[in-house]
Amino acid sequence: MSVLDKKGIALMLALGVIAVITLAIVAIVTVSNNEVIIGKHQDDSVGAFYLAESGLEKARTQLNLNWANTADVSGTLGAGSYTANIYNTEAGGAALPADLLRIRSSGSVDNAARTIEVVMKDLIPPAPGSIISAIATEGTLSIKGNVVVTGDVEENAVISFENAFGMPKTQMEDIVKYYFPDTYYDRAFANGDSASKVTWVNGSGDESTVSDNEWIGEGIFIVNGDFHITGGTFNGVLWVEGDLSISGNPEINGTIFVKSGVTVDTTITGTADVTFSEEIIDDAFDTLRELPPTIESWKEM
């Protein structure tokens, strides 16, 4: 083999090695670019999702101000945008109940887009005047001593939490946990704690007791168990899931619902005063009217 032939073979081998290296570099660069593109798309997709959520919250705020305002909501945020459409019908076209609306919200960033759809429920507490009794109980009512009850009294009545508050009990508990965590108790109620706006007490075990004459509560007060009050003042709507015992000299203005029996007993000390007040009841429900609509269902399209 001549020297020229050997040089030619060496040149071909060198060119082959260079080609392989070049292809490897191109492949690495291509993979890297693809990873960058994929990574950016994933980031954009996450951003689009949060924009869709932003559109949803914007629509929720609008409906909280005016449930009848079903105008579309749109806007921009950073490099993306969102649009939320509000419907009073199901996806198939059937009309929704007056307290439900469907919202479809889409967010986009560059070529990434995400869409979510929820059904929202308006919190509609009972209308003023729908509660007419000072005390309503599904059990019997025993009144002793120098008790003053101003207003109607209903014994052996059929009472419903949902009718009283416009929502199931489980939903009310979730609302208190989320919006009023400082007045959600997993224990017996303590005299030093205040009841304001919406209070929830899980009175399992020992009954929850208020005995401090200086105690003042207001708003909506729900006891998921037995309750005993011997002093203090409460203005609002009191719901007791178990037995209620009133003794001493408490003053309760508004209304009382009891799912079990009631004993109003002032034979020990002082007098108990229970007064029906439509105005105080309406003020108590104002707290619920101010809350934003709740999400009944959620899905990503």
C-alpha atoms as a PDB file:
ATOM      1  CA  MET A   1       0.000   0.000   0.000  1.00  0.00           C
ATOM      2  CA  SER A   2       1.371   3.349  -1.033  1.00  0.00           C
ATOM      3  CA  VAL A   3       1.928   6.260   1.291  1.00  0.00           C
ATOM      4  CA  LEU A   4      -0.882   8.153  -0.428  1.00  0.00           C
ATOM      5  CA  ASP A   5      -3.283   5.293   0.198  1.00  0.00           C
ATOM      6  CA  LYS A   6      -2.387   5.234   3.882  1.00  0.00           C
ATOM      7  CA  LYS A   7      -2.849   8.985   4.139  1.00  0.00           C
ATOM      8  CA  GLY A   8      -6.230   8.699   2.443  1.00  0.00           C
ATOM      9  CA  ILE A   9      -7.384   6.044   4.879  1.00  0.00           C
ATOM     10  CA  ALA A  10      -6.213   8.136   7.835  1.00  0.00           C
ATOM     11  CA  LEU A  11      -8.047  11.147   6.462  1.00  0.00           C
ATOM     12  CA  MET A  12     -11.250   9.162   6.063  1.00  0.00           C
ATOM     13  CA  LEU A  13     -10.979   7.824   9.599  1.00  0.00           C
ATOM     14  CA  ALA A  14     -10.388  11.335  10.926  1.00  0.00           C
ATOM     15  CA  LEU A  15     -13.358  12.660   9.019  1.00  0.00           C
ATOM     16  CA  GLY A  16     -15.469   9.788  10.351  1.00  0.00           C
ATOM     17  CA  VAL A  17     -14.453  10.540  13.932  1.00  0.00           C
ATOM     18  CA  ILE A  18     -15.195  14.225  13.410  1.00  0.00           C
ATOM     19  CA  ALA A  19     -18.600  13.360  11.954  1.00  0.00           C
ATOM     20  CA  VAL A  20     -19.438  11.107  14.905  1.00  0.00           C
ATOM     21  CA  ILE A  21     -18.353  13.792  17.384  1.00  0.00           C
ATOM     22  CA  THR A  22     -20.339  16.410  15.478  1.00  0.00           C
ATOM     23  CA  LEU A  23     -23.442  14.240  15.486  1.00  0.00           C
ATOM     24  CA  ALA A  24     -23.009  13.615  19.203  1.00  0.00           C
ATOM     25  CA  ILE A  25     -22.687  17.337  19.874  1.00  0.00           C
ATOM     26  CA  VAL A  26     -25.736  18.077  17.730  1.00  0.00           C
ATOM     27  CA  ALA A  27     -27.700  15.390  19.579  1.00  0.00           C
ATOM     28  CA  ILE A  28     -26.662  16.756  22.960  1.00  0.00           C
ATOM     29  CA  VAL A  29     -27.556  20.309  21.939  1.00  0.00           C
ATOM     30  CA  THR A  30     -30.889  19.131  20.501  1.00  0.00           C
ATOM     31  CA  VAL A  31     -31.753  17.199  23.662  1.00  0.00           C
ATOM     32  CA  SER A  32     -30.752  20.176  25.791  1.00  0.00           C
ATOM     33  CA  ASN A  33     -32.871  22.512  23.695  1.00  0.00           C
ATOM     34  CA  ASN A  34     -35.809  20.116  23.895  1.00  0.00           C
ATOM     35  CA  GLU A  35     -35.415  19.897  27.665  1.00  0.00           C
ATOM     36  CA  VAL A  36     -35.398  23.682  27.858  1.00  0.00           C
ATOM     37  CA  ILE A  37     -38.496  23.850  25.657  1.00  0.00           C
ATOM     38  CA  ILE A  38     -40.253  21.136  27.659  1.00  0.00           C
ATOM     39  CA  GLY A  39     -39.254  22.783  30.927  1.00  0.00           C
ATOM     40  CA  LYS A  40     -40.527  26.158  29.745  1.00  0.00           C
ATOM     41  CA  HIS A  41     -43.779  24.618  28.571  1.00  0.00           C
ATOM     42  CA  GLN A  42     -44.232  22.945  31.944  1.00  0.00           C
ATOM     43  CA  ASP A  43     -43.554  26.251  33.698  1.00  0.00           C
ATOM     44  CA  ASP A  44     -45.978  27.999  31.354  1.00  0.00           C
ATOM     45  CA  SER A  45     -48.573  25.294  32.015  1.00  0.00           C
ATOM     46  CA  VAL A  46     -48.285  25.795  35.776  1.00  0.00           C
ATOM     47  CA  GLY A  47     -48.551  29.535  35.249  1.00  0.00           C
ATOM     48  CA  ALA A  48     -51.623  29.045  33.061  1.00  0.00           C
ATOM     49  CA  PHE A  49     -53.253  26.962  35.797  1.00  0.00           C
ATOM     50  CA  TYR A  50     -52.709  29.669  38.399  1.00  0.00           C
ATOM     51  CA  LEU A  51     -54.084  32.238  35.970  1.00  0.00           C
ATOM     52  CA  ALA A  52     -57.204  30.100  35.537  1.00  0.00           C
ATOM     53  CA  GLU A  53     -57.509  30.031  39.338  1.00  0.00           C
ATOM     54  CA  SER A  54     -57.076  33.816  39.383  1.00  0.00           C
ATOM     55  CA  GLY A  55     -59.915  34.194  36.895  1.00  0.00           C
ATOM     56  CA  LEU A  56     -62.065  31.966  39.076  1.00  0.00           C
ATOM     57  CA  GLU A  57     -61.385  34.062  42.191  1.00  0.00           C
ATOM     58  CA  LYS A  58     -62.036  37.256  40.222  1.00  0.00           C
ATOM     59  CA  ALA A  59     -65.425  35.886  39.182  1.00  0.00           C
ATOM     60  CA  ARG A  60     -66.092  34.765  42.744  1.00  0.00           C
ATOM     61  CA  THR A  61     -65.390  38.266  44.050  1.00  0.00           C
ATOM     62  CA  GLN A  62     -67.712  39.756  41.427  1.00  0.00           C
ATOM     63  CA  LEU A  63     -70.512  37.365  42.389  1.00  0.00           C
ATOM     64  CA  ASN A  64     -69.981  38.044  46.073  1.00  0.00           C
ATOM     65  CA  LEU A  65     -70.710  41.714  45.398  1.00  0.00           C
ATOM     66  CA  ASN A  66     -73.676  40.945  43.155  1.00  0.00           C
ATOM     67  CA  TRP A  67     -74.846  37.388  42.529  1.00  0.00           C
ATOM     68  CA  ALA A  68     -76.840  38.584  39.515  1.00  0.00           C
ATOM     69  CA  ASN A  69     -73.737  40.007  37.782  1.00  0.00           C
ATOM     70  CA  THR A  70     -72.841  37.156  35.422  1.00  0.00           C
ATOM     71  CA  ALA A  71     -70.704  39.233  33.050  1.00  0.00           C
ATOM     72  CA  ASP A  72     -67.521  37.549  31.819  1.00  0.00           C
ATOM     73  CA  VAL A  73     -64.295  38.331  33.658  1.00  0.00           C
ATOM     74  CA  SER A  74     -60.922  38.716  31.939  1.00  0.00           C
ATOM     75  CA  GLY A  75     -57.526  40.191  32.637  1.00  0.00           C
ATOM     76  CA  THR A  76     -53.767  39.902  32.266  1.00  0.00           C
ATOM     77  CA  LEU A  77     -51.172  39.025  34.838  1.00  0.00           C
ATOM     78  CA  GLY A  78     -47.479  38.950  34.032  1.00  0.00           C
ATOM     79  CA  ALA A  79     -46.903  37.197  30.713  1.00  0.00           C
ATOM     80  CA  GLY A  80     -50.304  35.532  30.657  1.00  0.00           C
ATOM     81  CA  SER A  81     -54.023  36.184  30.653  1.00  0.00           C
ATOM     82  CA  TYR A  82     -57.257  34.676  31.975  1.00  0.00           C
ATOM     83  CA  THR A  83     -60.926  34.627  31.032  1.00  0.00           C
ATOM     84  CA  ALA A  84     -63.783  33.406  33.217  1.00  0.00           C
ATOM     85  CA  ASN A  85     -67.242  32.790  31.780  1.00  0.00           C
ATOM     86  CA  ILE A  86     -70.225  32.599  34.138  1.00  0.00           C
ATOM     87  CA  TYR A  87     -73.268  30.491  33.236  1.00  0.00           C
ATOM     88  CA  ASN A  88     -76.623  29.902  34.911  1.00  0.00           C
ATOM     89  CA  THR A  89     -76.963  26.592  33.074  1.00  0.00           C
ATOM     90  CA  GLU A  90     -75.342  23.185  33.194  1.00  0.00           C
ATOM     91  CA  ALA A  91     -72.915  22.231  30.415  1.00  0.00           C
ATOM     92  CA  GLY A  92     -75.785  20.421  28.688  1.00  0.00           C
ATOM     93  CA  GLY A  93     -77.971  23.533  28.736  1.00  0.00           C
ATOM     94  CA  ALA A  94     -80.345  22.698  31.591  1.00  0.00           C
ATOM     95  CA  ALA A  95     -81.055  25.611  33.923  1.00  0.00           C
ATOM     96  CA  LEU A  96     -79.340  25.617  37.307  1.00  0.00           C
ATOM     97  CA  PRO A  97     -81.150  26.478  40.569  1.00  0.00           C
ATOM     98  CA  ALA A  98     -81.104  30.176  41.457  1.00  0.00           C
ATOM     99  CA  ASP A  99     -78.399  29.679  44.104  1.00  0.00           C
ATOM    100  CA  LEU A 100     -75.981  27.886  41.728  1.00  0.00           C
ATOM    101  CA  LEU A 101     -73.782  29.187  38.905  1.00  0.00           C
ATOM    102  CA  ARG A 102     -71.231  27.443  36.686  1.00  0.00           C
ATOM    103  CA  ILE A 103     -67.899  29.154  36.032  1.00  0.00           C
ATOM    104  CA  ARG A 104     -65.405  28.076  33.381  1.00  0.00           C
ATOM    105  CA  SER A 105     -62.065  29.834  33.733  1.00  0.00           C
ATOM    106  CA  SER A 106     -59.131  29.547  31.314  1.00  0.00           C
ATOM    107  CA  GLY A 107     -55.575  30.760  31.734  1.00  0.00           C
ATOM    108  CA  SER A 108     -52.848  30.927  29.102  1.00  0.00           C
ATOM    109  CA  VAL A 109     -49.131  31.679  28.933  1.00  0.00           C
ATOM    110  CA  ASP A 110     -47.581  31.583  25.454  1.00  0.00           C
ATOM    111  CA  ASN A 111     -48.686  28.236  23.974  1.00  0.00           C
ATOM    112  CA  ALA A 112     -49.756  26.696  27.286  1.00  0.00           C
ATOM    113  CA  ALA A 113     -53.407  26.787  28.355  1.00  0.00           C
ATOM    114  CA  ARG A 114     -55.353  25.340  31.294  1.00  0.00           C
ATOM    115  CA  THR A 115     -59.089  25.388  31.966  1.00  0.00           C
ATOM    116  CA  ILE A 116     -61.017  24.666  35.148  1.00  0.00           C
ATOM    117  CA  GLU A 117     -64.741  24.576  35.786  1.00  0.00           C
ATOM    118  CA  VAL A 118     -66.574  24.934  39.084  1.00  0.00           C
ATOM    119  CA  VAL A 119     -70.135  25.153  40.302  1.00  0.00           C
ATOM    120  CA  MET A 120     -70.573  27.839  42.955  1.00  0.00           C
ATOM    121  CA  LYS A 121     -73.335  28.157  45.512  1.00  0.00           C
ATOM    122  CA  ASP A 122     -74.587  31.423  46.912  1.00  0.00           C
ATOM    123  CA  LEU A 123     -75.042  31.432  50.669  1.00  0.00           C
ATOM    124  CA  ILE A 124     -78.662  32.412  51.168  1.00  0.00           C
ATOM    125  CA  PRO A 125     -79.574  32.551  54.873  1.00  0.00           C
ATOM    126  CA  PRO A 126     -83.251  32.582  55.801  1.00  0.00           C
ATOM    127  CA  ALA A 127     -85.037  35.784  54.882  1.00  0.00           C
ATOM    128  CA  PRO A 128     -85.908  38.198  57.683  1.00  0.00           C
ATOM    129  CA  GLY A 129     -89.136  37.105  59.311  1.00  0.00           C
ATOM    130  CA  SER A 130     -88.771  33.395  58.506  1.00  0.00           C
ATOM    131  CA  ILE A 131     -87.805  32.613  62.122  1.00  0.00           C
ATOM    132  CA  ILE A 132     -90.670  33.413  64.451  1.00  0.00           C
ATOM    133  CA  SER A 133     -89.996  31.670  67.778  1.00  0.00           C
ATOM    134  CA  ALA A 134     -87.961  32.542  70.832  1.00  0.00           C
ATOM    135  CA  ILE A 135     -87.406  28.820  71.474  1.00  0.00           C
ATOM    136  CA  ALA A 136     -88.007  25.864  69.153  1.00  0.00           C
ATOM    137  CA  THR A 137     -87.197  22.336  70.300  1.00  0.00           C
ATOM    138  CA  GLU A 138     -87.799  18.860  68.936  1.00  0.00           C
ATOM    139  CA  GLY A 139     -88.200  17.651  72.515  1.00  0.00           C
ATOM    140  CA  THR A 140     -90.149  18.850  75.506  1.00  0.00           C
ATOM    141  CA  LEU A 141     -89.697  22.163  77.272  1.00  0.00           C
ATOM    142  CA  SER A 142     -89.660  22.491  81.045  1.00  0.00           C
ATOM    143  CA  ILE A 143     -89.779  26.010  82.470  1.00  0.00           C
ATOM    144  CA  LYS A 144     -89.449  26.535  86.207  1.00  0.00           C
ATOM    145  CA  GLY A 145     -88.818  29.437  88.511  1.00  0.00           C
ATOM    146  CA  ASN A 146     -88.961  33.118  87.619  1.00  0.00           C
ATOM    147  CA  VAL A 147     -88.176  32.699  83.950  1.00  0.00           C
ATOM    148  CA  VAL A 148     -89.146  35.352  81.423  1.00  0.00           C
ATOM    149  CA  VAL A 149     -89.667  34.164  77.837  1.00  0.00           C
ATOM    150  CA  THR A 150     -90.766  36.884  75.441  1.00  0.00           C
ATOM    151  CA  GLY A 151     -91.927  35.365  72.170  1.00  0.00           C
ATOM    152  CA  ASP A 152     -93.397  32.114  70.893  1.00  0.00           C
ATOM    153  CA  VAL A 153     -92.274  28.727  72.210  1.00  0.00           C
ATOM    154  CA  GLU A 154     -92.472  25.569  70.063  1.00  0.00           C
ATOM    155  CA  GLU A 155     -92.303  22.122  71.663  1.00  0.00           C
ATOM    156  CA  ASN A 156     -92.026  18.825  69.777  1.00  0.00           C
ATOM    157  CA  ALA A 157     -91.328  20.830  66.636  1.00  0.00           C
ATOM    158  CA  VAL A 158     -89.634  19.581  63.487  1.00  0.00           C
ATOM    159  CA  ILE A 159     -86.541  21.732  63.018  1.00  0.00           C
ATOM    160  CA  SER A 160     -83.945  21.483  60.274  1.00  0.00           C
ATOM    161  CA  PHE A 161     -80.435  22.905  60.335  1.00  0.00           C
ATOM    162  CA  GLU A 162     -80.547  23.468  56.578  1.00  0.00           C
ATOM    163  CA  ASN A 163     -83.852  25.321  56.816  1.00  0.00           C
ATOM    164  CA  ALA A 164     -82.570  27.439  59.678  1.00  0.00           C
ATOM    165  CA  PHE A 165     -79.216  28.393  58.147  1.00  0.00           C
ATOM    166  CA  GLY A 166     -79.643  27.814  54.420  1.00  0.00           C
ATOM    167  CA  MET A 167     -76.971  25.086  54.262  1.00  0.00           C
ATOM    168  CA  PRO A 168     -76.189  21.611  55.649  1.00  0.00           C
ATOM    169  CA  LYS A 169     -74.494  21.373  59.035  1.00  0.00           C
ATOM    170  CA  THR A 170     -71.305  19.936  57.498  1.00  0.00           C
ATOM    171  CA  GLN A 171     -70.984  22.955  55.214  1.00  0.00           C
ATOM    172  CA  MET A 172     -71.435  25.341  58.129  1.00  0.00           C
ATOM    173  CA  GLU A 173     -68.691  23.534  60.051  1.00  0.00           C
ATOM    174  CA  ASP A 174     -66.332  23.847  57.071  1.00  0.00           C
ATOM    175  CA  ILE A 175     -67.104  27.570  56.842  1.00  0.00           C
ATOM    176  CA  VAL A 176     -66.310  28.104  60.517  1.00  0.00           C
ATOM    177  CA  LYS A 177     -63.049  26.133  60.211  1.00  0.00           C
ATOM    178  CA  TYR A 178     -61.948  28.202  57.216  1.00  0.00           C
ATOM    179  CA  TYR A 179     -63.237  31.703  57.962  1.00  0.00           C
ATOM    180  CA  PHE A 180     -63.495  31.717  61.772  1.00  0.00           C
ATOM    181  CA  PRO A 181     -60.794  29.337  63.077  1.00  0.00           C
ATOM    182  CA  ASP A 182     -60.493  31.297  66.332  1.00  0.00           C
ATOM    183  CA  THR A 183     -64.044  30.329  67.292  1.00  0.00           C
ATOM    184  CA  TYR A 184     -63.888  26.656  66.283  1.00  0.00           C
ATOM    185  CA  TYR A 185     -63.441  24.440  69.328  1.00  0.00           C
ATOM    186  CA  ASP A 186     -62.808  20.713  69.645  1.00  0.00           C
ATOM    187  CA  ARG A 187     -63.421  20.874  73.373  1.00  0.00           C
ATOM    188  CA  ALA A 188     -65.874  22.144  75.946  1.00  0.00           C
ATOM    189  CA  PHE A 189     -66.485  25.867  75.709  1.00  0.00           C
ATOM    190  CA  ALA A 190     -64.360  27.981  78.069  1.00  0.00           C
ATOM    191  CA  ASN A 191     -65.740  31.053  79.808  1.00  0.00           C
ATOM    192  CA  GLY A 192     -62.734  33.100  78.753  1.00  0.00           C
ATOM    193  CA  ASP A 193     -63.409  32.473  75.069  1.00  0.00           C
ATOM    194  CA  SER A 194     -65.591  34.869  73.158  1.00  0.00           C
ATOM    195  CA  ALA A 195     -68.398  33.937  70.805  1.00  0.00           C
ATOM    196  CA  SER A 196     -68.630  36.371  67.915  1.00  0.00           C
ATOM    197  CA  LYS A 197     -69.886  36.194  64.340  1.00  0.00           C
ATOM    198  CA  VAL A 198     -69.939  32.390  63.941  1.00  0.00           C
ATOM    199  CA  THR A 199     -68.878  30.023  66.719  1.00  0.00           C
ATOM    200  CA  TRP A 200     -68.785  26.219  66.579  1.00  0.00           C
ATOM    201  CA  VAL A 201     -68.321  24.035  69.659  1.00  0.00           C
ATOM    202  CA  ASN A 202     -67.981  20.254  69.568  1.00  0.00           C
ATOM    203  CA  GLY A 203     -69.488  19.495  72.951  1.00  0.00           C
ATOM    204  CA  SER A 204     -68.722  15.786  73.041  1.00  0.00           C
ATOM    205  CA  GLY A 205     -67.932  14.268  76.419  1.00  0.00           C
ATOM    206  CA  ASP A 206     -68.580  16.774  79.201  1.00  0.00           C
ATOM    207  CA  GLU A 207     -71.265  19.229  78.248  1.00  0.00           C
ATOM    208  CA  SER A 208     -70.119  22.690  77.206  1.00  0.00           C
ATOM    209  CA  THR A 209     -70.778  25.232  79.921  1.00  0.00           C
ATOM    210  CA  VAL A 210     -70.868  29.009  80.230  1.00  0.00           C
ATOM    211  CA  SER A 211     -71.128  30.202  83.831  1.00  0.00           C
ATOM    212  CA  ASP A 212     -69.416  33.604  83.850  1.00  0.00           C
ATOM    213  CA  ASN A 213     -71.905  36.446  84.376  1.00  0.00           C
ATOM    214  CA  GLU A 214     -69.572  38.774  82.456  1.00  0.00           C
ATOM    215  CA  TRP A 215     -69.525  36.539  79.379  1.00  0.00           C
ATOM    216  CA  ILE A 216     -70.939  38.120  76.206  1.00  0.00           C
ATOM    217  CA  GLY A 217     -71.566  36.304  72.944  1.00  0.00           C
ATOM    218  CA  GLU A 218     -73.143  37.310  69.661  1.00  0.00           C
ATOM    219  CA  GLY A 219     -73.831  36.112  66.139  1.00  0.00           C
ATOM    220  CA  ILE A 220     -74.403  32.446  65.310  1.00  0.00           C
ATOM    221  CA  PHE A 221     -73.486  29.996  68.059  1.00  0.00           C
ATOM    222  CA  ILE A 222     -73.612  26.263  67.263  1.00  0.00           C
ATOM    223  CA  VAL A 223     -73.024  23.579  69.885  1.00  0.00           C
ATOM    224  CA  ASN A 224     -72.586  20.107  68.404  1.00  0.00           C
ATOM    225  CA  GLY A 225     -73.528  18.422  71.674  1.00  0.00           C
ATOM    226  CA  ASP A 226     -75.033  19.378  75.033  1.00  0.00           C
ATOM    227  CA  PHE A 227     -74.886  22.946  76.349  1.00  0.00           C
ATOM    228  CA  HIS A 228     -75.370  24.440  79.801  1.00  0.00           C
ATOM    229  CA  ILE A 229     -75.509  28.190  80.389  1.00  0.00           C
ATOM    230  CA  THR A 230     -75.875  29.753  83.835  1.00  0.00           C
ATOM    231  CA  GLY A 231     -74.788  33.339  83.208  1.00  0.00           C
ATOM    232  CA  GLY A 232     -73.744  35.951  80.716  1.00  0.00           C
ATOM    233  CA  THR A 233     -75.474  37.463  77.704  1.00  0.00           C
ATOM    234  CA  PHE A 234     -75.924  36.128  74.182  1.00  0.00           C
ATOM    235  CA  ASN A 235     -77.401  38.034  71.241  1.00  0.00           C
ATOM    236  CA  GLY A 236     -78.053  36.034  68.096  1.00  0.00           C
ATOM    237  CA  VAL A 237     -78.998  32.543  66.937  1.00  0.00           C
ATOM    238  CA  LEU A 238     -78.199  29.672  69.311  1.00  0.00           C
ATOM    239  CA  TRP A 239     -78.350  26.136  67.891  1.00  0.00           C
ATOM    240  CA  VAL A 240     -77.830  23.180  70.238  1.00  0.00           C
ATOM    241  CA  GLU A 241     -77.596  19.726  68.706  1.00  0.00           C
ATOM    242  CA  GLY A 242     -77.997  17.951  72.059  1.00  0.00           C
ATOM    243  CA  ASP A 243     -79.675  18.911  75.323  1.00  0.00           C
ATOM    244  CA  LEU A 244     -79.865  22.517  76.508  1.00  0.00           C
ATOM    245  CA  SER A 245     -79.972  23.482  80.155  1.00  0.00           C
ATOM    246  CA  ILE A 246     -80.425  27.115  81.185  1.00  0.00           C
ATOM    247  CA  SER A 247     -80.171  28.104  84.814  1.00  0.00           C
ATOM    248  CA  GLY A 248     -79.009  31.072  86.845  1.00  0.00           C
ATOM    249  CA  ASN A 249     -79.460  34.488  85.296  1.00  0.00           C
ATOM    250  CA  PRO A 250     -78.349  34.451  81.641  1.00  0.00           C
ATOM    251  CA  GLU A 251     -79.914  36.777  79.085  1.00  0.00           C
ATOM    252  CA  ILE A 252     -80.491  35.415  75.577  1.00  0.00           C
ATOM    253  CA  ASN A 253     -81.845  37.669  72.841  1.00  0.00           C
ATOM    254  CA  GLY A 254     -82.654  36.369  69.369  1.00  0.00           C
ATOM    255  CA  THR A 255     -83.721  32.740  69.035  1.00  0.00           C
ATOM    256  CA  ILE A 256     -82.867  29.258  70.314  1.00  0.00           C
ATOM    257  CA  PHE A 257     -83.051  25.978  68.368  1.00  0.00           C
ATOM    258  CA  VAL A 258     -82.627  22.682  70.221  1.00  0.00           C
ATOM    259  CA  LYS A 259     -82.558  19.292  68.491  1.00  0.00           C
ATOM    260  CA  SER A 260     -83.119  17.469  71.779  1.00  0.00           C
ATOM    261  CA  GLY A 261     -84.864  18.508  75.000  1.00  0.00           C
ATOM    262  CA  VAL A 262     -84.732  21.864  76.774  1.00  0.00           C
ATOM    263  CA  THR A 263     -84.724  22.620  80.470  1.00  0.00           C
ATOM    264  CA  VAL A 264     -84.987  26.278  81.418  1.00  0.00           C
ATOM    265  CA  ASP A 265     -84.537  26.207  85.166  1.00  0.00           C
ATOM    266  CA  THR A 266     -83.975  29.234  87.385  1.00  0.00           C
ATOM    267  CA  THR A 267     -84.797  27.627  90.677  1.00  0.00           C
ATOM    268  CA  ILE A 268     -81.159  27.753  91.788  1.00  0.00           C
ATOM    269  CA  THR A 269     -80.277  31.459  91.501  1.00  0.00           C
ATOM    270  CA  GLY A 270     -81.526  34.527  89.713  1.00  0.00           C
ATOM    271  CA  THR A 271     -83.713  34.606  86.623  1.00  0.00           C
ATOM    272  CA  ALA A 272     -83.243  33.646  83.005  1.00  0.00           C
ATOM    273  CA  ASP A 273     -84.476  35.997  80.302  1.00  0.00           C
ATOM    274  CA  VAL A 274     -85.075  34.723  76.757  1.00  0.00           C
ATOM    275  CA  THR A 275     -86.349  37.313  74.280  1.00  0.00           C
ATOM    276  CA  PHE A 276     -87.202  36.823  70.617  1.00  0.00           C
ATOM    277  CA  SER A 277     -85.703  39.556  68.410  1.00  0.00           C
ATOM    278  CA  GLU A 278     -86.053  39.562  64.632  1.00  0.00           C
ATOM    279  CA  GLU A 279     -83.545  42.410  64.356  1.00  0.00           C
ATOM    280  CA  ILE A 280     -80.864  40.549  66.310  1.00  0.00           C
ATOM    281  CA  ILE A 281     -81.488  37.382  64.276  1.00  0.00           C
ATOM    282  CA  ASP A 282     -81.113  39.317  61.026  1.00  0.00           C
ATOM    283  CA  ASP A 283     -77.878  40.914  62.270  1.00  0.00           C
ATOM    284  CA  ALA A 284     -76.521  37.444  63.084  1.00  0.00           C
ATOM    285  CA  PHE A 285     -77.227  36.204  59.558  1.00  0.00           C
ATOM    286  CA  ASP A 286     -75.477  39.234  58.032  1.00  0.00           C
ATOM    287  CA  THR A 287     -72.186  37.450  58.724  1.00  0.00           C
ATOM    288  CA  LEU A 288     -73.177  34.641  56.362  1.00  0.00           C
ATOM    289  CA  ARG A 289     -74.441  37.069  53.739  1.00  0.00           C
ATOM    290  CA  GLU A 290     -71.001  38.701  53.652  1.00  0.00           C
ATOM    291  CA  LEU A 291     -69.173  35.430  52.935  1.00  0.00           C
ATOM    292  CA  PRO A 292     -68.152  34.616  49.335  1.00  0.00           C
ATOM    293  CA  PRO A 293     -69.967  31.894  47.383  1.00  0.00           C
ATOM    294  CA  THR A 294     -68.819  28.369  48.178  1.00  0.00           C
ATOM    295  CA  ILE A 295     -67.466  25.869  45.636  1.00  0.00           C
ATOM    296  CA  GLU A 296     -69.805  22.903  45.217  1.00  0.00           C
ATOM    297  CA  SER A 297     -67.754  21.056  42.582  1.00  0.00           C
ATOM    298  CA  TRP A 298     -64.395  21.506  40.825  1.00  0.00           C
ATOM    299  CA  LYS A 299     -62.792  19.873  37.808  1.00  0.00           C
ATOM    300  CA  GLU A 300     -60.100  20.549  35.243  1.00  0.00           C
ATOM    301  CA  MET A 301     -61.201  20.393  31.652  1.00  0.00           C
END
